[in-house]
Amino acid sequence: MAADRRVGVAVDFSPSSKNALKWAVDNIMRKGDYLILVAVQPEGHYEEGEMQLWAISGGSPLIPLSEFSDPATMKKYGVKPDPETLDIANTAAKQKEVMVVMKIYWGDPREKLCEAIDSIPLSCMVVGNRGLGTLKR
């Protein structure tokens, strides 16, 4: 594949999504790739006019790592990334020499993750499990 691969990782900042992110960085990412963290927020009442626009238009713009590491910027999007996820993303950017960005969608994760594959477009998508035990699954 070409050096401009776009690898998507679905993140909700749960332990499962952190493991999926670590796995993607360790096993898929190569120098020059794009690591795109795809977050899906539930639909709701938005205080900011920008969030309404992004939800209607199909998601946020691609947010660079430097911006989604800033809590004030992420508050505007209604997302609270945890320090461990940010650490994994920063390490990947430095050690693997990849470009890390985030894209946020609003709605049903099942639909929006499929939409992300086509709209970004992604070369592949890595997702964790839902965190359900054997009985609940």
N, C-alpha and C. Protein backbone atom coordinates (compact mmCIF):
# COMPACT_ATOMS: atom_id res chain seq x y z
N MET A 1 0.83 -1.19 0.00
CA MET A 1 0.00 0.00 0.00
C MET A 1 0.87 1.24 0.00
N ALA A 2 0.27 2.32 -0.42
CA ALA A 2 0.99 3.59 -0.47
C ALA A 2 1.24 4.12 0.93
N ALA A 3 2.10 5.12 1.01
CA ALA A 3 2.48 5.67 2.30
C ALA A 3 1.39 6.53 2.92
N ASP A 4 0.33 6.79 2.19
CA ASP A 4 -0.73 7.64 2.74
C ASP A 4 -1.92 6.83 3.24
N ARG A 5 -1.65 5.73 3.89
CA ARG A 5 -2.74 4.91 4.45
C ARG A 5 -3.43 5.69 5.56
N ARG A 6 -4.71 5.51 5.64
CA ARG A 6 -5.50 6.15 6.70
C ARG A 6 -6.10 5.05 7.56
N VAL A 7 -5.55 4.89 8.75
CA VAL A 7 -5.99 3.86 9.67
C VAL A 7 -6.89 4.49 10.71
N GLY A 8 -8.14 4.05 10.76
CA GLY A 8 -9.10 4.57 11.74
C GLY A 8 -9.15 3.68 12.96
N VAL A 9 -9.29 4.30 14.13
CA VAL A 9 -9.48 3.55 15.37
C VAL A 9 -10.68 4.18 16.08
N ALA A 10 -11.69 3.36 16.35
CA ALA A 10 -12.87 3.84 17.06
C ALA A 10 -12.51 4.01 18.53
N VAL A 11 -12.71 5.20 19.07
CA VAL A 11 -12.37 5.45 20.48
C VAL A 11 -13.58 6.01 21.23
N ASP A 12 -13.78 5.47 22.42
CA ASP A 12 -14.74 6.04 23.35
C ASP A 12 -14.08 6.21 24.72
N PHE A 13 -12.76 6.03 24.74
CA PHE A 13 -11.90 6.21 25.91
C PHE A 13 -12.17 5.16 26.99
N SER A 14 -12.73 4.03 26.60
CA SER A 14 -12.92 2.89 27.50
C SER A 14 -11.64 2.04 27.45
N PRO A 15 -11.48 1.12 28.41
CA PRO A 15 -10.31 0.23 28.36
C PRO A 15 -10.23 -0.55 27.05
N SER A 16 -11.35 -0.98 26.51
CA SER A 16 -11.36 -1.73 25.26
C SER A 16 -10.87 -0.89 24.09
N SER A 17 -11.29 0.37 24.03
CA SER A 17 -10.84 1.21 22.91
C SER A 17 -9.36 1.58 23.06
N LYS A 18 -8.89 1.71 24.29
CA LYS A 18 -7.45 1.97 24.50
C LYS A 18 -6.63 0.78 24.04
N ASN A 19 -7.11 -0.44 24.33
CA ASN A 19 -6.41 -1.64 23.87
C ASN A 19 -6.41 -1.72 22.34
N ALA A 20 -7.52 -1.35 21.72
CA ALA A 20 -7.59 -1.35 20.25
C ALA A 20 -6.61 -0.34 19.67
N LEU A 21 -6.51 0.83 20.31
CA LEU A 21 -5.56 1.86 19.85
C LEU A 21 -4.13 1.37 19.99
N LYS A 22 -3.80 0.78 21.13
CA LYS A 22 -2.44 0.24 21.33
C LYS A 22 -2.14 -0.82 20.28
N TRP A 23 -3.10 -1.71 20.04
CA TRP A 23 -2.90 -2.78 19.07
C TRP A 23 -2.65 -2.20 17.68
N ALA A 24 -3.44 -1.22 17.30
CA ALA A 24 -3.29 -0.61 15.97
C ALA A 24 -1.91 0.05 15.83
N VAL A 25 -1.48 0.76 16.86
CA VAL A 25 -0.17 1.43 16.81
C VAL A 25 0.95 0.40 16.71
N ASP A 26 0.84 -0.68 17.49
CA ASP A 26 1.91 -1.69 17.51
C ASP A 26 1.93 -2.56 16.26
N ASN A 27 0.77 -2.85 15.67
CA ASN A 27 0.71 -3.85 14.61
C ASN A 27 0.41 -3.34 13.21
N ILE A 28 -0.15 -2.16 13.09
CA ILE A 28 -0.56 -1.70 11.76
C ILE A 28 0.21 -0.46 11.30
N MET A 29 0.43 0.47 12.21
CA MET A 29 0.97 1.77 11.83
C MET A 29 2.40 1.68 11.30
N ARG A 30 2.62 2.44 10.20
CA ARG A 30 3.96 2.57 9.61
C ARG A 30 4.27 4.04 9.41
N LYS A 31 5.51 4.34 9.23
CA LYS A 31 5.94 5.72 9.01
C LYS A 31 5.17 6.32 7.83
N GLY A 32 4.64 7.52 8.04
CA GLY A 32 3.92 8.22 6.98
C GLY A 32 2.42 7.97 6.96
N ASP A 33 1.93 7.04 7.80
CA ASP A 33 0.50 6.76 7.84
C ASP A 33 -0.24 7.87 8.57
N TYR A 34 -1.55 7.88 8.39
CA TYR A 34 -2.44 8.76 9.15
C TYR A 34 -3.20 7.90 10.15
N LEU A 35 -3.12 8.25 11.42
CA LEU A 35 -3.90 7.58 12.46
C LEU A 35 -5.07 8.49 12.78
N ILE A 36 -6.28 8.03 12.47
CA ILE A 36 -7.47 8.85 12.66
C ILE A 36 -8.32 8.23 13.76
N LEU A 37 -8.40 8.94 14.87
CA LEU A 37 -9.23 8.50 15.99
C LEU A 37 -10.66 8.95 15.70
N VAL A 38 -11.56 8.00 15.67
CA VAL A 38 -12.97 8.28 15.34
C VAL A 38 -13.79 8.13 16.62
N ALA A 39 -14.35 9.25 17.08
CA ALA A 39 -15.19 9.24 18.28
C ALA A 39 -16.63 9.53 17.87
N VAL A 40 -17.57 8.81 18.48
CA VAL A 40 -18.99 9.04 18.19
C VAL A 40 -19.67 9.42 19.50
N GLN A 41 -20.23 10.60 19.52
CA GLN A 41 -20.94 11.11 20.68
C GLN A 41 -22.43 10.87 20.50
N PRO A 42 -23.16 10.65 21.59
CA PRO A 42 -24.62 10.48 21.45
C PRO A 42 -25.27 11.78 21.01
N GLU A 43 -26.38 11.63 20.30
CA GLU A 43 -27.12 12.82 19.90
C GLU A 43 -27.72 13.45 21.14
N GLY A 44 -27.84 14.75 21.13
CA GLY A 44 -28.41 15.42 22.29
C GLY A 44 -28.63 16.88 21.99
N HIS A 45 -28.88 17.63 23.02
CA HIS A 45 -29.08 19.06 22.87
C HIS A 45 -27.72 19.73 22.94
N TYR A 46 -27.39 20.48 21.94
CA TYR A 46 -26.08 21.10 21.85
C TYR A 46 -26.19 22.56 22.24
N GLU A 47 -25.27 22.98 23.10
CA GLU A 47 -25.25 24.38 23.53
C GLU A 47 -24.61 25.27 22.47
N GLU A 48 -23.62 24.76 21.82
CA GLU A 48 -22.86 25.53 20.84
C GLU A 48 -23.48 25.39 19.45
N GLY A 49 -23.57 26.49 18.74
CA GLY A 49 -24.07 26.45 17.37
C GLY A 49 -23.18 25.64 16.46
N GLU A 50 -21.85 25.66 16.72
CA GLU A 50 -20.91 24.91 15.89
C GLU A 50 -21.18 23.42 15.97
N MET A 51 -21.49 22.93 17.18
CA MET A 51 -21.75 21.50 17.34
C MET A 51 -22.97 21.08 16.56
N GLN A 52 -23.99 21.92 16.50
CA GLN A 52 -25.18 21.61 15.71
C GLN A 52 -24.82 21.51 14.23
N LEU A 53 -24.01 22.43 13.77
CA LEU A 53 -23.58 22.43 12.37
C LEU A 53 -22.80 21.17 12.06
N TRP A 54 -21.86 20.80 12.93
CA TRP A 54 -21.05 19.61 12.68
C TRP A 54 -21.88 18.35 12.73
N ALA A 55 -22.83 18.28 13.64
CA ALA A 55 -23.68 17.10 13.73
C ALA A 55 -24.51 16.93 12.47
N ILE A 56 -24.99 18.03 11.91
CA ILE A 56 -25.80 17.98 10.70
C ILE A 56 -24.94 17.70 9.47
N SER A 57 -23.74 18.29 9.44
CA SER A 57 -22.89 18.18 8.25
C SER A 57 -22.11 16.87 8.17
N GLY A 58 -22.24 15.99 9.16
CA GLY A 58 -21.58 14.70 9.07
C GLY A 58 -20.36 14.56 9.94
N GLY A 59 -20.17 15.44 10.87
CA GLY A 59 -19.06 15.29 11.81
C GLY A 59 -18.16 16.51 11.83
N SER A 60 -17.28 16.50 12.79
CA SER A 60 -16.35 17.62 12.96
C SER A 60 -15.32 17.62 11.84
N PRO A 61 -14.59 18.72 11.71
CA PRO A 61 -13.42 18.67 10.81
C PRO A 61 -12.36 17.76 11.45
N LEU A 62 -11.35 17.39 10.69
CA LEU A 62 -10.25 16.61 11.26
C LEU A 62 -9.50 17.50 12.24
N ILE A 63 -9.36 17.04 13.47
CA ILE A 63 -8.75 17.83 14.54
C ILE A 63 -7.33 17.32 14.77
N PRO A 64 -6.30 18.17 14.59
CA PRO A 64 -4.92 17.72 14.80
C PRO A 64 -4.66 17.36 16.25
N LEU A 65 -3.66 16.53 16.48
CA LEU A 65 -3.28 16.06 17.82
C LEU A 65 -3.04 17.23 18.77
N SER A 66 -2.38 18.28 18.30
CA SER A 66 -2.08 19.42 19.16
C SER A 66 -3.35 20.07 19.69
N GLU A 67 -4.42 20.05 18.89
CA GLU A 67 -5.67 20.66 19.33
C GLU A 67 -6.48 19.74 20.22
N PHE A 68 -6.52 18.42 19.91
CA PHE A 68 -7.35 17.57 20.76
C PHE A 68 -6.64 17.19 22.05
N SER A 69 -5.37 17.62 22.21
CA SER A 69 -4.69 17.49 23.49
C SER A 69 -5.05 18.64 24.42
N ASP A 70 -5.67 19.68 23.88
CA ASP A 70 -6.05 20.86 24.65
C ASP A 70 -7.47 20.69 25.21
N PRO A 71 -7.62 20.65 26.55
CA PRO A 71 -8.96 20.44 27.14
C PRO A 71 -9.97 21.52 26.73
N ALA A 72 -9.55 22.75 26.58
CA ALA A 72 -10.48 23.82 26.22
C ALA A 72 -11.05 23.60 24.81
N THR A 73 -10.19 23.16 23.90
CA THR A 73 -10.65 22.89 22.54
C THR A 73 -11.62 21.72 22.52
N MET A 74 -11.31 20.67 23.26
CA MET A 74 -12.16 19.49 23.24
C MET A 74 -13.49 19.74 23.95
N LYS A 75 -13.52 20.67 24.89
CA LYS A 75 -14.78 21.01 25.54
C LYS A 75 -15.77 21.57 24.51
N LYS A 76 -15.22 22.29 23.53
CA LYS A 76 -16.05 22.84 22.46
C LYS A 76 -16.75 21.73 21.67
N TYR A 77 -16.09 20.57 21.58
CA TYR A 77 -16.65 19.43 20.85
C TYR A 77 -17.47 18.50 21.75
N GLY A 78 -17.42 18.73 23.06
CA GLY A 78 -18.15 17.88 24.00
C GLY A 78 -17.49 16.54 24.24
N VAL A 79 -16.15 16.48 24.08
CA VAL A 79 -15.40 15.23 24.25
C VAL A 79 -14.34 15.44 25.33
N LYS A 80 -14.15 14.40 26.17
CA LYS A 80 -13.13 14.48 27.22
C LYS A 80 -12.15 13.31 27.05
N PRO A 81 -11.11 13.50 26.21
CA PRO A 81 -10.14 12.40 26.06
C PRO A 81 -9.35 12.22 27.35
N ASP A 82 -9.06 10.97 27.68
CA ASP A 82 -8.32 10.71 28.91
C ASP A 82 -6.81 10.77 28.64
N PRO A 83 -6.02 10.98 29.70
CA PRO A 83 -4.56 11.12 29.53
C PRO A 83 -3.89 9.90 28.89
N GLU A 84 -4.38 8.70 29.19
CA GLU A 84 -3.74 7.50 28.64
C GLU A 84 -3.90 7.43 27.11
N THR A 85 -5.09 7.76 26.62
CA THR A 85 -5.31 7.78 25.17
C THR A 85 -4.45 8.84 24.51
N LEU A 86 -4.36 10.01 25.12
CA LEU A 86 -3.51 11.08 24.58
C LEU A 86 -2.05 10.67 24.57
N ASP A 87 -1.62 9.95 25.62
CA ASP A 87 -0.24 9.47 25.69
C ASP A 87 0.06 8.48 24.57
N ILE A 88 -0.87 7.56 24.32
CA ILE A 88 -0.68 6.59 23.23
C ILE A 88 -0.59 7.31 21.89
N ALA A 89 -1.45 8.29 21.68
CA ALA A 89 -1.45 9.05 20.42
C ALA A 89 -0.17 9.86 20.26
N ASN A 90 0.28 10.54 21.31
CA ASN A 90 1.52 11.31 21.25
C ASN A 90 2.72 10.42 21.00
N THR A 91 2.77 9.27 21.66
CA THR A 91 3.88 8.32 21.46
C THR A 91 3.90 7.81 20.03
N ALA A 92 2.72 7.51 19.49
CA ALA A 92 2.65 7.03 18.10
C ALA A 92 3.14 8.11 17.15
N ALA A 93 2.75 9.34 17.39
CA ALA A 93 3.16 10.44 16.51
C ALA A 93 4.67 10.61 16.50
N LYS A 94 5.28 10.48 17.67
CA LYS A 94 6.74 10.69 17.77
C LYS A 94 7.53 9.47 17.32
N GLN A 95 7.19 8.29 17.85
CA GLN A 95 8.00 7.11 17.58
C GLN A 95 7.75 6.51 16.19
N LYS A 96 6.52 6.46 15.78
CA LYS A 96 6.18 5.85 14.49
C LYS A 96 6.17 6.87 13.35
N GLU A 97 6.29 8.15 13.69
CA GLU A 97 6.27 9.24 12.71
C GLU A 97 5.00 9.19 11.86
N VAL A 98 3.86 9.17 12.56
CA VAL A 98 2.56 9.18 11.88
C VAL A 98 1.84 10.48 12.22
N MET A 99 0.91 10.85 11.36
CA MET A 99 0.08 12.03 11.59
C MET A 99 -1.17 11.56 12.33
N VAL A 100 -1.42 12.14 13.51
CA VAL A 100 -2.58 11.74 14.33
C VAL A 100 -3.61 12.85 14.31
N VAL A 101 -4.83 12.50 13.95
CA VAL A 101 -5.95 13.45 13.95
C VAL A 101 -7.18 12.75 14.53
N MET A 102 -8.16 13.55 14.91
CA MET A 102 -9.41 13.01 15.44
C MET A 102 -10.59 13.54 14.63
N LYS A 103 -11.60 12.69 14.48
CA LYS A 103 -12.85 13.08 13.81
C LYS A 103 -13.98 12.67 14.74
N ILE A 104 -14.89 13.60 14.98
CA ILE A 104 -16.00 13.35 15.90
C ILE A 104 -17.30 13.35 15.13
N TYR A 105 -18.11 12.34 15.39
CA TYR A 105 -19.45 12.24 14.82
C TYR A 105 -20.45 12.26 15.96
N TRP A 106 -21.70 12.58 15.63
CA TRP A 106 -22.78 12.55 16.60
C TRP A 106 -23.87 11.65 16.07
N GLY A 107 -24.33 10.70 16.90
CA GLY A 107 -25.39 9.81 16.49
C GLY A 107 -25.15 8.39 16.97
N ASP A 108 -25.69 7.43 16.24
CA ASP A 108 -25.58 6.01 16.56
C ASP A 108 -24.21 5.50 16.12
N PRO A 109 -23.40 4.98 17.05
CA PRO A 109 -22.06 4.52 16.68
C PRO A 109 -22.03 3.49 15.56
N ARG A 110 -23.02 2.60 15.51
CA ARG A 110 -23.03 1.57 14.46
C ARG A 110 -23.10 2.22 13.08
N GLU A 111 -23.93 3.22 12.94
CA GLU A 111 -24.07 3.89 11.65
C GLU A 111 -22.91 4.82 11.36
N LYS A 112 -22.48 5.57 12.37
CA LYS A 112 -21.46 6.58 12.15
C LYS A 112 -20.08 5.99 11.88
N LEU A 113 -19.76 4.84 12.47
CA LEU A 113 -18.47 4.20 12.18
C LEU A 113 -18.43 3.72 10.72
N CYS A 114 -19.55 3.20 10.24
CA CYS A 114 -19.62 2.80 8.83
C CYS A 114 -19.52 4.03 7.93
N GLU A 115 -20.16 5.12 8.33
CA GLU A 115 -20.10 6.37 7.56
C GLU A 115 -18.67 6.90 7.50
N ALA A 116 -17.93 6.76 8.60
CA ALA A 116 -16.55 7.26 8.66
C ALA A 116 -15.66 6.57 7.64
N ILE A 117 -15.86 5.27 7.44
CA ILE A 117 -15.04 4.51 6.51
C ILE A 117 -15.14 5.11 5.11
N ASP A 118 -16.34 5.49 4.71
CA ASP A 118 -16.56 6.04 3.38
C ASP A 118 -16.23 7.52 3.29
N SER A 119 -16.60 8.29 4.31
CA SER A 119 -16.47 9.74 4.19
C SER A 119 -15.06 10.26 4.42
N ILE A 120 -14.22 9.55 5.17
CA ILE A 120 -12.88 10.09 5.44
C ILE A 120 -11.95 9.96 4.23
N PRO A 121 -11.80 8.98 3.47
CA PRO A 121 -12.07 7.55 3.58
C PRO A 121 -10.93 6.85 4.31
N LEU A 122 -11.24 5.72 4.93
CA LEU A 122 -10.26 4.96 5.70
C LEU A 122 -9.79 3.73 4.94
N SER A 123 -8.52 3.39 5.12
CA SER A 123 -7.98 2.16 4.55
C SER A 123 -8.46 0.97 5.36
N CYS A 124 -8.54 1.15 6.69
CA CYS A 124 -9.07 0.11 7.57
C CYS A 124 -9.55 0.76 8.86
N MET A 125 -10.37 0.02 9.61
CA MET A 125 -10.91 0.52 10.88
C MET A 125 -10.67 -0.53 11.95
N VAL A 126 -10.12 -0.11 13.08
CA VAL A 126 -9.89 -1.00 14.21
C VAL A 126 -10.87 -0.61 15.31
N VAL A 127 -11.60 -1.60 15.82
CA VAL A 127 -12.54 -1.35 16.90
C VAL A 127 -12.30 -2.36 18.02
N GLY A 128 -12.58 -1.94 19.24
CA GLY A 128 -12.51 -2.84 20.38
C GLY A 128 -13.84 -3.55 20.53
N ASN A 129 -13.98 -4.28 21.63
CA ASN A 129 -15.29 -4.90 21.88
C ASN A 129 -16.12 -3.98 22.76
N ARG A 130 -17.35 -4.36 23.00
CA ARG A 130 -18.25 -3.50 23.76
C ARG A 130 -18.05 -3.62 25.26
N GLY A 131 -17.15 -4.46 25.71
CA GLY A 131 -16.88 -4.58 27.14
C GLY A 131 -17.89 -5.43 27.89
N LEU A 132 -18.70 -6.20 27.17
CA LEU A 132 -19.67 -7.06 27.82
C LEU A 132 -19.02 -8.38 28.18
N GLY A 133 -19.45 -8.95 29.29
CA GLY A 133 -18.95 -10.25 29.69
C GLY A 133 -19.60 -11.36 28.86
N THR A 134 -19.21 -12.58 29.11
CA THR A 134 -19.70 -13.72 28.34
C THR A 134 -21.21 -13.87 28.45
N LEU A 135 -21.78 -13.70 29.63
CA LEU A 135 -23.21 -13.87 29.80
C LEU A 135 -24.01 -12.78 29.12
N LYS A 136 -23.61 -11.53 29.26
CA LYS A 136 -24.35 -10.43 28.64
C LYS A 136 -24.22 -10.46 27.12
N ARG A 137 -23.07 -10.91 26.60
CA ARG A 137 -22.88 -10.99 25.17
C ARG A 137 -23.84 -11.98 24.59
